[in-house]
ModelCIF file with pLDDT and N, C-alpha, C, O atoms, coordinates in Angstrom:
data_MODEL
#
_entry.id   MODEL 
#
_entity.id                         1 
_entity.type                       polymer 
_entity.pdbx_number_of_molecules   1 
#
_entity_poly.entity_id                      1 
_entity_poly.type                           'polypeptide(L)' 
_entity_poly.nstd_linkage                   no 
_entity_poly.nstd_monomer                   no 
_entity_poly.pdbx_seq_one_letter_code       EREFVGTLSRSGESTRYADSVKGRFTISRDNAKNAVYLQMNSLKAED 
_entity_poly.pdbx_seq_one_letter_code_can   EREFVGTLSRSGESTRYADSVKGRFTISRDNAKNAVYLQMNSLKAED 
_entity_poly.pdbx_strand_id                 A 
#
loop_
_entity_poly_seq.entity_id 
_entity_poly_seq.num 
_entity_poly_seq.mon_id 
_entity_poly_seq.hetero 
1 1  GLU n 
1 2  ARG n 
1 3  GLU n 
1 4  PHE n 
1 5  VAL n 
1 6  GLY n 
1 7  THR n 
1 8  LEU n 
1 9  SER n 
1 10 ARG n 
1 11 SER n 
1 12 GLY n 
1 13 GLU n 
1 14 SER n 
1 15 THR n 
1 16 ARG n 
1 17 TYR n 
1 18 ALA n 
1 19 ASP n 
1 20 SER n 
1 21 VAL n 
1 22 LYS n 
1 23 GLY n 
1 24 ARG n 
1 25 PHE n 
1 26 THR n 
1 27 ILE n 
1 28 SER n 
1 29 ARG n 
1 30 ASP n 
1 31 ASN n 
1 32 ALA n 
1 33 LYS n 
1 34 ASN n 
1 35 ALA n 
1 36 VAL n 
1 37 TYR n 
1 38 LEU n 
1 39 GLN n 
1 40 MET n 
1 41 ASN n 
1 42 SER n 
1 43 LEU n 
1 44 LYS n 
1 45 ALA n 
1 46 GLU n 
1 47 ASP n 
#
_struct_asym.id          A 
_struct_asym.entity_id   1 
#
loop_
_ma_qa_metric.id 
_ma_qa_metric.mode 
_ma_qa_metric.name 
_ma_qa_metric.software_group_id 
_ma_qa_metric.type 
1 global pLDDT . pLDDT 
2 local  pLDDT . pLDDT 
#
_ma_qa_metric_global.metric_id      1 
_ma_qa_metric_global.metric_value   94.04 
_ma_qa_metric_global.model_id       1 
_ma_qa_metric_global.ordinal_id     1 
#
loop_
_ma_qa_metric_local.label_asym_id 
_ma_qa_metric_local.label_comp_id 
_ma_qa_metric_local.label_seq_id 
_ma_qa_metric_local.metric_id 
_ma_qa_metric_local.metric_value 
_ma_qa_metric_local.model_id 
_ma_qa_metric_local.ordinal_id 
A GLU 1  2 95.00 1 1  
A ARG 2  2 95.00 1 2  
A GLU 3  2 97.00 1 3  
A PHE 4  2 97.00 1 4  
A VAL 5  2 98.00 1 5  
A GLY 6  2 97.00 1 6  
A THR 7  2 95.00 1 7  
A LEU 8  2 93.00 1 8  
A SER 9  2 88.00 1 9  
A ARG 10 2 80.00 1 10 
A SER 11 2 76.00 1 11 
A GLY 12 2 71.00 1 12 
A GLU 13 2 76.00 1 13 
A SER 14 2 89.00 1 14 
A THR 15 2 93.00 1 15 
A ARG 16 2 95.00 1 16 
A TYR 17 2 97.00 1 17 
A ALA 18 2 97.00 1 18 
A ASP 19 2 97.00 1 19 
A SER 20 2 97.00 1 20 
A VAL 21 2 98.00 1 21 
A LYS 22 2 97.00 1 22 
A GLY 23 2 97.00 1 23 
A ARG 24 2 98.00 1 24 
A PHE 25 2 98.00 1 25 
A THR 26 2 97.00 1 26 
A ILE 27 2 96.00 1 27 
A SER 28 2 94.00 1 28 
A ARG 29 2 92.00 1 29 
A ASP 30 2 93.00 1 30 
A ASN 31 2 91.00 1 31 
A ALA 32 2 93.00 1 32 
A LYS 33 2 96.00 1 33 
A ASN 34 2 95.00 1 34 
A ALA 35 2 95.00 1 35 
A VAL 36 2 94.00 1 36 
A TYR 37 2 96.00 1 37 
A LEU 38 2 98.00 1 38 
A GLN 39 2 98.00 1 39 
A MET 40 2 98.00 1 40 
A ASN 41 2 98.00 1 41 
A SER 42 2 98.00 1 42 
A LEU 43 2 98.00 1 43 
A LYS 44 2 98.00 1 44 
A ALA 45 2 97.00 1 45 
A GLU 46 2 96.00 1 46 
A ASP 47 2 98.00 1 47 
#
loop_
_atom_site.group_PDB 
_atom_site.id 
_atom_site.type_symbol 
_atom_site.label_atom_id 
_atom_site.label_alt_id 
_atom_site.label_comp_id 
_atom_site.label_asym_id 
_atom_site.label_entity_id 
_atom_site.label_seq_id 
_atom_site.pdbx_PDB_ins_code 
_atom_site.Cartn_x 
_atom_site.Cartn_y 
_atom_site.Cartn_z 
_atom_site.occupancy 
_atom_site.B_iso_or_equiv 
_atom_site.pdbx_formal_charge 
_atom_site.auth_seq_id 
_atom_site.auth_comp_id 
_atom_site.auth_asym_id 
_atom_site.auth_atom_id 
_atom_site.pdbx_PDB_model_num 
ATOM 1   N N  . GLU A 1 1  ? 63.958 81.413 286.557 1.00 95.00 ? 1  GLU A N  1 
ATOM 2   C CA . GLU A 1 1  ? 65.007 82.417 286.620 1.00 95.00 ? 1  GLU A CA 1 
ATOM 3   C C  . GLU A 1 1  ? 66.108 82.111 285.616 1.00 95.00 ? 1  GLU A C  1 
ATOM 4   O O  . GLU A 1 1  ? 66.266 80.976 285.168 1.00 95.00 ? 1  GLU A O  1 
ATOM 5   N N  . ARG A 1 2  ? 66.856 83.134 285.275 1.00 95.00 ? 2  ARG A N  1 
ATOM 6   C CA . ARG A 1 2  ? 67.975 82.964 284.371 1.00 95.00 ? 2  ARG A CA 1 
ATOM 7   C C  . ARG A 1 2  ? 68.992 81.993 284.975 1.00 95.00 ? 2  ARG A C  1 
ATOM 8   O O  . ARG A 1 2  ? 69.294 82.057 286.167 1.00 95.00 ? 2  ARG A O  1 
ATOM 9   N N  . GLU A 1 3  ? 69.507 81.107 284.148 1.00 97.00 ? 3  GLU A N  1 
ATOM 10  C CA . GLU A 1 3  ? 70.385 80.036 284.599 1.00 97.00 ? 3  GLU A CA 1 
ATOM 11  C C  . GLU A 1 3  ? 71.720 80.093 283.872 1.00 97.00 ? 3  GLU A C  1 
ATOM 12  O O  . GLU A 1 3  ? 71.772 80.268 282.655 1.00 97.00 ? 3  GLU A O  1 
ATOM 13  N N  . PHE A 1 4  ? 72.784 79.945 284.624 1.00 97.00 ? 4  PHE A N  1 
ATOM 14  C CA . PHE A 1 4  ? 74.118 79.880 284.043 1.00 97.00 ? 4  PHE A CA 1 
ATOM 15  C C  . PHE A 1 4  ? 74.282 78.602 283.243 1.00 97.00 ? 4  PHE A C  1 
ATOM 16  O O  . PHE A 1 4  ? 73.866 77.531 283.686 1.00 97.00 ? 4  PHE A O  1 
ATOM 17  N N  . VAL A 1 5  ? 74.885 78.707 282.069 1.00 98.00 ? 5  VAL A N  1 
ATOM 18  C CA . VAL A 1 5  ? 75.142 77.556 281.215 1.00 98.00 ? 5  VAL A CA 1 
ATOM 19  C C  . VAL A 1 5  ? 76.633 77.240 281.156 1.00 98.00 ? 5  VAL A C  1 
ATOM 20  O O  . VAL A 1 5  ? 77.049 76.123 281.464 1.00 98.00 ? 5  VAL A O  1 
ATOM 21  N N  . GLY A 1 6  ? 77.425 78.216 280.764 1.00 97.00 ? 6  GLY A N  1 
ATOM 22  C CA . GLY A 1 6  ? 78.861 77.996 280.670 1.00 97.00 ? 6  GLY A CA 1 
ATOM 23  C C  . GLY A 1 6  ? 79.595 79.289 280.395 1.00 97.00 ? 6  GLY A C  1 
ATOM 24  O O  . GLY A 1 6  ? 78.994 80.287 279.997 1.00 97.00 ? 6  GLY A O  1 
ATOM 25  N N  . THR A 1 7  ? 80.894 79.264 280.608 1.00 95.00 ? 7  THR A N  1 
ATOM 26  C CA . THR A 1 7  ? 81.708 80.450 280.395 1.00 95.00 ? 7  THR A CA 1 
ATOM 27  C C  . THR A 1 7  ? 83.084 80.070 279.886 1.00 95.00 ? 7  THR A C  1 
ATOM 28  O O  . THR A 1 7  ? 83.600 78.990 280.175 1.00 95.00 ? 7  THR A O  1 
ATOM 29  N N  . LEU A 1 8  ? 83.664 80.978 279.126 1.00 93.00 ? 8  LEU A N  1 
ATOM 30  C CA . LEU A 1 8  ? 85.019 80.854 278.609 1.00 93.00 ? 8  LEU A CA 1 
ATOM 31  C C  . LEU A 1 8  ? 85.825 81.993 279.199 1.00 93.00 ? 8  LEU A C  1 
ATOM 32  O O  . LEU A 1 8  ? 85.403 83.149 279.154 1.00 93.00 ? 8  LEU A O  1 
ATOM 33  N N  . SER A 1 9  ? 86.974 81.673 279.749 1.00 88.00 ? 9  SER A N  1 
ATOM 34  C CA . SER A 1 9  ? 87.772 82.664 280.452 1.00 88.00 ? 9  SER A CA 1 
ATOM 35  C C  . SER A 1 9  ? 88.283 83.757 279.534 1.00 88.00 ? 9  SER A C  1 
ATOM 36  O O  . SER A 1 9  ? 88.319 83.602 278.313 1.00 88.00 ? 9  SER A O  1 
ATOM 37  N N  . ARG A 1 10 ? 88.678 84.863 280.144 1.00 80.00 ? 10 ARG A N  1 
ATOM 38  C CA . ARG A 1 10 ? 89.213 85.992 279.395 1.00 80.00 ? 10 ARG A CA 1 
ATOM 39  C C  . ARG A 1 10 ? 90.431 85.594 278.582 1.00 80.00 ? 10 ARG A C  1 
ATOM 40  O O  . ARG A 1 10 ? 90.618 86.074 277.464 1.00 80.00 ? 10 ARG A O  1 
ATOM 41  N N  . SER A 1 11 ? 91.254 84.729 279.132 1.00 76.00 ? 11 SER A N  1 
ATOM 42  C CA . SER A 1 11 ? 92.443 84.260 278.438 1.00 76.00 ? 11 SER A CA 1 
ATOM 43  C C  . SER A 1 11 ? 92.117 83.265 277.327 1.00 76.00 ? 11 SER A C  1 
ATOM 44  O O  . SER A 1 11 ? 92.933 83.035 276.435 1.00 76.00 ? 11 SER A O  1 
ATOM 45  N N  . GLY A 1 12 ? 90.936 82.684 277.382 1.00 71.00 ? 12 GLY A N  1 
ATOM 46  C CA . GLY A 1 12 ? 90.543 81.690 276.404 1.00 71.00 ? 12 GLY A CA 1 
ATOM 47  C C  . GLY A 1 12 ? 91.092 80.310 276.669 1.00 71.00 ? 12 GLY A C  1 
ATOM 48  O O  . GLY A 1 12 ? 90.973 79.421 275.827 1.00 71.00 ? 12 GLY A O  1 
ATOM 49  N N  . GLU A 1 13 ? 91.692 80.119 277.824 1.00 76.00 ? 13 GLU A N  1 
ATOM 50  C CA . GLU A 1 13 ? 92.337 78.856 278.138 1.00 76.00 ? 13 GLU A CA 1 
ATOM 51  C C  . GLU A 1 13 ? 91.483 77.923 278.980 1.00 76.00 ? 13 GLU A C  1 
ATOM 52  O O  . GLU A 1 13 ? 91.765 76.726 279.049 1.00 76.00 ? 13 GLU A O  1 
ATOM 53  N N  . SER A 1 14 ? 90.443 78.449 279.621 1.00 89.00 ? 14 SER A N  1 
ATOM 54  C CA . SER A 1 14 ? 89.660 77.650 280.548 1.00 89.00 ? 14 SER A CA 1 
ATOM 55  C C  . SER A 1 14 ? 88.171 77.805 280.279 1.00 89.00 ? 14 SER A C  1 
ATOM 56  O O  . SER A 1 14 ? 87.710 78.855 279.830 1.00 89.00 ? 14 SER A O  1 
ATOM 57  N N  . THR A 1 15 ? 87.428 76.743 280.560 1.00 93.00 ? 15 THR A N  1 
ATOM 58  C CA . THR A 1 15 ? 85.976 76.761 280.461 1.00 93.00 ? 15 THR A CA 1 
ATOM 59  C C  . THR A 1 15 ? 85.368 76.234 281.746 1.00 93.00 ? 15 THR A C  1 
ATOM 60  O O  . THR A 1 15 ? 86.004 75.499 282.501 1.00 93.00 ? 15 THR A O  1 
ATOM 61  N N  . ARG A 1 16 ? 84.122 76.625 281.977 1.00 95.00 ? 16 ARG A N  1 
ATOM 62  C CA . ARG A 1 16 ? 83.379 76.144 283.129 1.00 95.00 ? 16 ARG A CA 1 
ATOM 63  C C  . ARG A 1 16 ? 81.927 75.997 282.717 1.00 95.00 ? 16 ARG A C  1 
ATOM 64  O O  . ARG A 1 16 ? 81.378 76.859 282.032 1.00 95.00 ? 16 ARG A O  1 
ATOM 65  N N  . TYR A 1 17 ? 81.309 74.906 283.134 1.00 97.00 ? 17 TYR A N  1 
ATOM 66  C CA . TYR A 1 17 ? 79.940 74.621 282.737 1.00 97.00 ? 17 TYR A CA 1 
ATOM 67  C C  . TYR A 1 17 ? 79.076 74.260 283.929 1.00 97.00 ? 17 TYR A C  1 
ATOM 68  O O  . TYR A 1 17 ? 79.563 73.754 284.940 1.00 97.00 ? 17 TYR A O  1 
ATOM 69  N N  . ALA A 1 18 ? 77.793 74.527 283.793 1.00 97.00 ? 18 ALA A N  1 
ATOM 70  C CA . ALA A 1 18 ? 76.838 74.045 284.773 1.00 97.00 ? 18 ALA A CA 1 
ATOM 71  C C  . ALA A 1 18 ? 76.801 72.525 284.730 1.00 97.00 ? 18 ALA A C  1 
ATOM 72  O O  . ALA A 1 18 ? 77.000 71.918 283.677 1.00 97.00 ? 18 ALA A O  1 
ATOM 73  N N  . ASP A 1 19 ? 76.546 71.920 285.878 1.00 97.00 ? 19 ASP A N  1 
ATOM 74  C CA . ASP A 1 19 ? 76.507 70.459 285.939 1.00 97.00 ? 19 ASP A CA 1 
ATOM 75  C C  . ASP A 1 19 ? 75.468 69.873 284.986 1.00 97.00 ? 19 ASP A C  1 
ATOM 76  O O  . ASP A 1 19 ? 75.650 68.774 284.464 1.00 97.00 ? 19 ASP A O  1 
ATOM 77  N N  . SER A 1 20 ? 74.396 70.597 284.766 1.00 97.00 ? 20 SER A N  1 
ATOM 78  C CA . SER A 1 20 ? 73.317 70.100 283.934 1.00 97.00 ? 20 SER A CA 1 
ATOM 79  C C  . SER A 1 20 ? 73.693 69.968 282.460 1.00 97.00 ? 20 SER A C  1 
ATOM 80  O O  . SER A 1 20 ? 73.039 69.232 281.721 1.00 97.00 ? 20 SER A O  1 
ATOM 81  N N  . VAL A 1 21 ? 74.737 70.670 282.025 1.00 98.00 ? 21 VAL A N  1 
ATOM 82  C CA . VAL A 1 21 ? 75.129 70.634 280.620 1.00 98.00 ? 21 VAL A CA 1 
ATOM 83  C C  . VAL A 1 21 ? 76.539 70.110 280.416 1.00 98.00 ? 21 VAL A C  1 
ATOM 84  O O  . VAL A 1 21 ? 76.961 69.919 279.276 1.00 98.00 ? 21 VAL A O  1 
ATOM 85  N N  . LYS A 1 22 ? 77.265 69.879 281.473 1.00 97.00 ? 22 LYS A N  1 
ATOM 86  C CA . LYS A 1 22 ? 78.649 69.432 281.376 1.00 97.00 ? 22 LYS A CA 1 
ATOM 87  C C  . LYS A 1 22 ? 78.739 68.127 280.590 1.00 97.00 ? 22 LYS A C  1 
ATOM 88  O O  . LYS A 1 22 ? 77.987 67.184 280.834 1.00 97.00 ? 22 LYS A O  1 
ATOM 89  N N  . GLY A 1 23 ? 79.667 68.093 279.652 1.00 97.00 ? 23 GLY A N  1 
ATOM 90  C CA . GLY A 1 23 ? 79.839 66.929 278.811 1.00 97.00 ? 23 GLY A CA 1 
ATOM 91  C C  . GLY A 1 23 ? 78.993 66.946 277.562 1.00 97.00 ? 23 GLY A C  1 
ATOM 92  O O  . GLY A 1 23 ? 79.219 66.149 276.651 1.00 97.00 ? 23 GLY A O  1 
ATOM 93  N N  . ARG A 1 24 ? 78.012 67.849 277.498 1.00 98.00 ? 24 ARG A N  1 
ATOM 94  C CA . ARG A 1 24 ? 77.131 67.950 276.341 1.00 98.00 ? 24 ARG A CA 1 
ATOM 95  C C  . ARG A 1 24 ? 77.313 69.256 275.572 1.00 98.00 ? 24 ARG A C  1 
ATOM 96  O O  . ARG A 1 24 ? 77.181 69.284 274.349 1.00 98.00 ? 24 ARG A O  1 
ATOM 97  N N  . PHE A 1 25 ? 77.616 70.334 276.290 1.00 98.00 ? 25 PHE A N  1 
ATOM 98  C CA . PHE A 1 25 ? 77.751 71.655 275.679 1.00 98.00 ? 25 PHE A CA 1 
ATOM 99  C C  . PHE A 1 25 ? 79.212 72.085 275.667 1.00 98.00 ? 25 PHE A C  1 
ATOM 100 O O  . PHE A 1 25 ? 79.978 71.735 276.565 1.00 98.00 ? 25 PHE A O  1 
ATOM 101 N N  . THR A 1 26 ? 79.594 72.846 274.643 1.00 97.00 ? 26 THR A N  1 
ATOM 102 C CA . THR A 1 26 ? 80.956 73.349 274.526 1.00 97.00 ? 26 THR A CA 1 
ATOM 103 C C  . THR A 1 26 ? 80.944 74.789 274.045 1.00 97.00 ? 26 THR A C  1 
ATOM 104 O O  . THR A 1 26 ? 80.315 75.108 273.035 1.00 97.00 ? 26 THR A O  1 
ATOM 105 N N  . ILE A 1 27 ? 81.635 75.654 274.763 1.00 96.00 ? 27 ILE A N  1 
ATOM 106 C CA . ILE A 1 27 ? 81.792 77.048 274.359 1.00 96.00 ? 27 ILE A CA 1 
ATOM 107 C C  . ILE A 1 27 ? 83.117 77.207 273.627 1.00 96.00 ? 27 ILE A C  1 
ATOM 108 O O  . ILE A 1 27 ? 84.131 76.640 274.033 1.00 96.00 ? 27 ILE A O  1 
ATOM 109 N N  . SER A 1 28 ? 83.102 77.976 272.548 1.00 94.00 ? 28 SER A N  1 
ATOM 110 C CA . SER A 1 28 ? 84.321 78.245 271.808 1.00 94.00 ? 28 SER A CA 1 
ATOM 111 C C  . SER A 1 28 ? 84.302 79.670 271.281 1.00 94.00 ? 28 SER A C  1 
ATOM 112 O O  . SER A 1 28 ? 83.272 80.345 271.309 1.00 94.00 ? 28 SER A O  1 
ATOM 113 N N  . ARG A 1 29 ? 85.444 80.114 270.804 1.00 92.00 ? 29 ARG A N  1 
ATOM 114 C CA . ARG A 1 29 ? 85.578 81.474 270.296 1.00 92.00 ? 29 ARG A CA 1 
ATOM 115 C C  . ARG A 1 29 ? 86.365 81.455 268.996 1.00 92.00 ? 29 ARG A C  1 
ATOM 116 O O  . ARG A 1 29 ? 87.353 80.729 268.878 1.00 92.00 ? 29 ARG A O  1 
ATOM 117 N N  . ASP A 1 30 ? 85.940 82.238 268.031 1.00 93.00 ? 30 ASP A N  1 
ATOM 118 C CA . ASP A 1 30 ? 86.645 82.402 266.773 1.00 93.00 ? 30 ASP A CA 1 
ATOM 119 C C  . ASP A 1 30 ? 87.040 83.865 266.671 1.00 93.00 ? 30 ASP A C  1 
ATOM 120 O O  . ASP A 1 30 ? 86.219 84.714 266.324 1.00 93.00 ? 30 ASP A O  1 
ATOM 121 N N  . ASN A 1 31 ? 88.283 84.154 266.970 1.00 91.00 ? 31 ASN A N  1 
ATOM 122 C CA . ASN A 1 31 ? 88.731 85.542 266.996 1.00 91.00 ? 31 ASN A CA 1 
ATOM 123 C C  . ASN A 1 31 ? 88.709 86.199 265.614 1.00 91.00 ? 31 ASN A C  1 
ATOM 124 O O  . ASN A 1 31 ? 88.456 87.398 265.500 1.00 91.00 ? 31 ASN A O  1 
ATOM 125 N N  . ALA A 1 32 ? 88.972 85.421 264.573 1.00 93.00 ? 32 ALA A N  1 
ATOM 126 C CA . ALA A 1 32 ? 88.961 85.965 263.220 1.00 93.00 ? 32 ALA A CA 1 
ATOM 127 C C  . ALA A 1 32 ? 87.575 86.468 262.836 1.00 93.00 ? 32 ALA A C  1 
ATOM 128 O O  . ALA A 1 32 ? 87.450 87.463 262.121 1.00 93.00 ? 32 ALA A O  1 
ATOM 129 N N  . LYS A 1 33 ? 86.542 85.791 263.304 1.00 96.00 ? 33 LYS A N  1 
ATOM 130 C CA . LYS A 1 33 ? 85.162 86.184 263.030 1.00 96.00 ? 33 LYS A CA 1 
ATOM 131 C C  . LYS A 1 33 ? 84.563 87.047 264.127 1.00 96.00 ? 33 LYS A C  1 
ATOM 132 O O  . LYS A 1 33 ? 83.441 87.535 263.990 1.00 96.00 ? 33 LYS A O  1 
ATOM 133 N N  . ASN A 1 34 ? 85.298 87.239 265.210 1.00 95.00 ? 34 ASN A N  1 
ATOM 134 C CA . ASN A 1 34 ? 84.810 87.994 266.364 1.00 95.00 ? 34 ASN A CA 1 
ATOM 135 C C  . ASN A 1 34 ? 83.475 87.420 266.830 1.00 95.00 ? 34 ASN A C  1 
ATOM 136 O O  . ASN A 1 34 ? 82.492 88.143 266.994 1.00 95.00 ? 34 ASN A O  1 
ATOM 137 N N  . ALA A 1 35 ? 83.466 86.107 267.038 1.00 95.00 ? 35 ALA A N  1 
ATOM 138 C CA . ALA A 1 35 ? 82.240 85.412 267.386 1.00 95.00 ? 35 ALA A CA 1 
ATOM 139 C C  . ALA A 1 35 ? 82.485 84.389 268.483 1.00 95.00 ? 35 ALA A C  1 
ATOM 140 O O  . ALA A 1 35 ? 83.602 83.911 268.680 1.00 95.00 ? 35 ALA A O  1 
ATOM 141 N N  . VAL A 1 36 ? 81.417 84.070 269.186 1.00 94.00 ? 36 VAL A N  1 
ATOM 142 C CA . VAL A 1 36 ? 81.411 83.061 270.228 1.00 94.00 ? 36 VAL A CA 1 
ATOM 143 C C  . VAL A 1 36 ? 80.355 82.030 269.879 1.00 94.00 ? 36 VAL A C  1 
ATOM 144 O O  . VAL A 1 36 ? 79.318 82.373 269.312 1.00 94.00 ? 36 VAL A O  1 
ATOM 145 N N  . TYR A 1 37 ? 80.603 80.777 270.210 1.00 96.00 ? 37 TYR A N  1 
ATOM 146 C CA . TYR A 1 37 ? 79.692 79.708 269.847 1.00 96.00 ? 37 TYR A CA 1 
ATOM 147 C C  . TYR A 1 37 ? 79.339 78.853 271.058 1.00 96.00 ? 37 TYR A C  1 
ATOM 148 O O  . TYR A 1 37 ? 80.106 78.753 272.016 1.00 96.00 ? 37 TYR A O  1 
ATOM 149 N N  . LEU A 1 38 ? 78.170 78.246 270.991 1.00 98.00 ? 38 LEU A N  1 
ATOM 150 C CA . LEU A 1 38 ? 77.755 77.253 271.969 1.00 98.00 ? 38 LEU A CA 1 
ATOM 151 C C  . LEU A 1 38 ? 77.300 76.023 271.204 1.00 98.00 ? 38 LEU A C  1 
ATOM 152 O O  . LEU A 1 38 ? 76.220 76.011 270.613 1.00 98.00 ? 38 LEU A O  1 
ATOM 153 N N  . GLN A 1 39 ? 78.127 74.991 271.218 1.00 98.00 ? 39 GLN A N  1 
ATOM 154 C CA . GLN A 1 39 ? 77.777 73.726 270.595 1.00 98.00 ? 39 GLN A CA 1 
ATOM 155 C C  . GLN A 1 39 ? 77.011 72.891 271.605 1.00 98.00 ? 39 GLN A C  1 
ATOM 156 O O  . GLN A 1 39 ? 77.512 72.619 272.696 1.00 98.00 ? 39 GLN A O  1 
ATOM 157 N N  . MET A 1 40 ? 75.806 72.486 271.252 1.00 98.00 ? 40 MET A N  1 
ATOM 158 C CA . MET A 1 40 ? 74.934 71.740 272.149 1.00 98.00 ? 40 MET A CA 1 
ATOM 159 C C  . MET A 1 40 ? 74.661 70.370 271.541 1.00 98.00 ? 40 MET A C  1 
ATOM 160 O O  . MET A 1 40 ? 74.088 70.265 270.456 1.00 98.00 ? 40 MET A O  1 
ATOM 161 N N  . ASN A 1 41 ? 75.071 69.332 272.241 1.00 98.00 ? 41 ASN A N  1 
ATOM 162 C CA . ASN A 1 41 ? 74.856 67.960 271.807 1.00 98.00 ? 41 ASN A CA 1 
ATOM 163 C C  . ASN A 1 41 ? 73.983 67.221 272.815 1.00 98.00 ? 41 ASN A C  1 
ATOM 164 O O  . ASN A 1 41 ? 73.825 67.656 273.955 1.00 98.00 ? 41 ASN A O  1 
ATOM 165 N N  . SER A 1 42 ? 73.428 66.111 272.382 1.00 98.00 ? 42 SER A N  1 
ATOM 166 C CA . SER A 1 42 ? 72.584 65.278 273.245 1.00 98.00 ? 42 SER A CA 1 
ATOM 167 C C  . SER A 1 42 ? 71.528 66.115 273.955 1.00 98.00 ? 42 SER A C  1 
ATOM 168 O O  . SER A 1 42 ? 71.361 66.020 275.171 1.00 98.00 ? 42 SER A O  1 
ATOM 169 N N  . LEU A 1 43 ? 70.834 66.917 273.203 1.00 98.00 ? 43 LEU A N  1 
ATOM 170 C CA . LEU A 1 43 ? 69.864 67.844 273.778 1.00 98.00 ? 43 LEU A CA 1 
ATOM 171 C C  . LEU A 1 43 ? 68.703 67.119 274.440 1.00 98.00 ? 43 LEU A C  1 
ATOM 172 O O  . LEU A 1 43 ? 68.259 66.062 273.990 1.00 98.00 ? 43 LEU A O  1 
ATOM 173 N N  . LYS A 1 44 ? 68.228 67.718 275.521 1.00 98.00 ? 44 LYS A N  1 
ATOM 174 C CA . LYS A 1 44 ? 67.114 67.193 276.292 1.00 98.00 ? 44 LYS A CA 1 
ATOM 175 C C  . LYS A 1 44 ? 65.982 68.207 276.301 1.00 98.00 ? 44 LYS A C  1 
ATOM 176 O O  . LYS A 1 44 ? 66.193 69.390 276.033 1.00 98.00 ? 44 LYS A O  1 
ATOM 177 N N  . ALA A 1 45 ? 64.789 67.742 276.607 1.00 97.00 ? 45 ALA A N  1 
ATOM 178 C CA . ALA A 1 45 ? 63.637 68.624 276.659 1.00 97.00 ? 45 ALA A CA 1 
ATOM 179 C C  . ALA A 1 45 ? 63.849 69.755 277.658 1.00 97.00 ? 45 ALA A C  1 
ATOM 180 O O  . ALA A 1 45 ? 63.398 70.877 277.430 1.00 97.00 ? 45 ALA A O  1 
ATOM 181 N N  . GLU A 1 46 ? 64.528 69.468 278.756 1.00 96.00 ? 46 GLU A N  1 
ATOM 182 C CA . GLU A 1 46 ? 64.761 70.480 279.768 1.00 96.00 ? 46 GLU A CA 1 
ATOM 183 C C  . GLU A 1 46 ? 65.767 71.547 279.344 1.00 96.00 ? 46 GLU A C  1 
ATOM 184 O O  . GLU A 1 46 ? 65.978 72.516 280.072 1.00 96.00 ? 46 GLU A O  1 
ATOM 185 N N  . ASP A 1 47 ? 66.387 71.382 278.180 1.00 98.00 ? 47 ASP A N  1 
ATOM 186 C CA . ASP A 1 47 ? 67.265 72.414 277.639 1.00 98.00 ? 47 ASP A CA 1 
ATOM 187 C C  . ASP A 1 47 ? 66.486 73.521 276.939 1.00 98.00 ? 47 ASP A C  1 
ATOM 188 O O  . ASP A 1 47 ? 67.083 74.469 276.428 1.00 98.00 ? 47 ASP A O  1 
#
């Protein structure tokens, strides 16, 4: 099933991550480019 990974709040001030990716993944936003990013580090096979 589809699994939650992470979210960035509407205000852009807060983030929340699934326990399985916490500390490894980071969500960010670039308003100038109108883009959202997911930086994934220390990747595992289960990702």
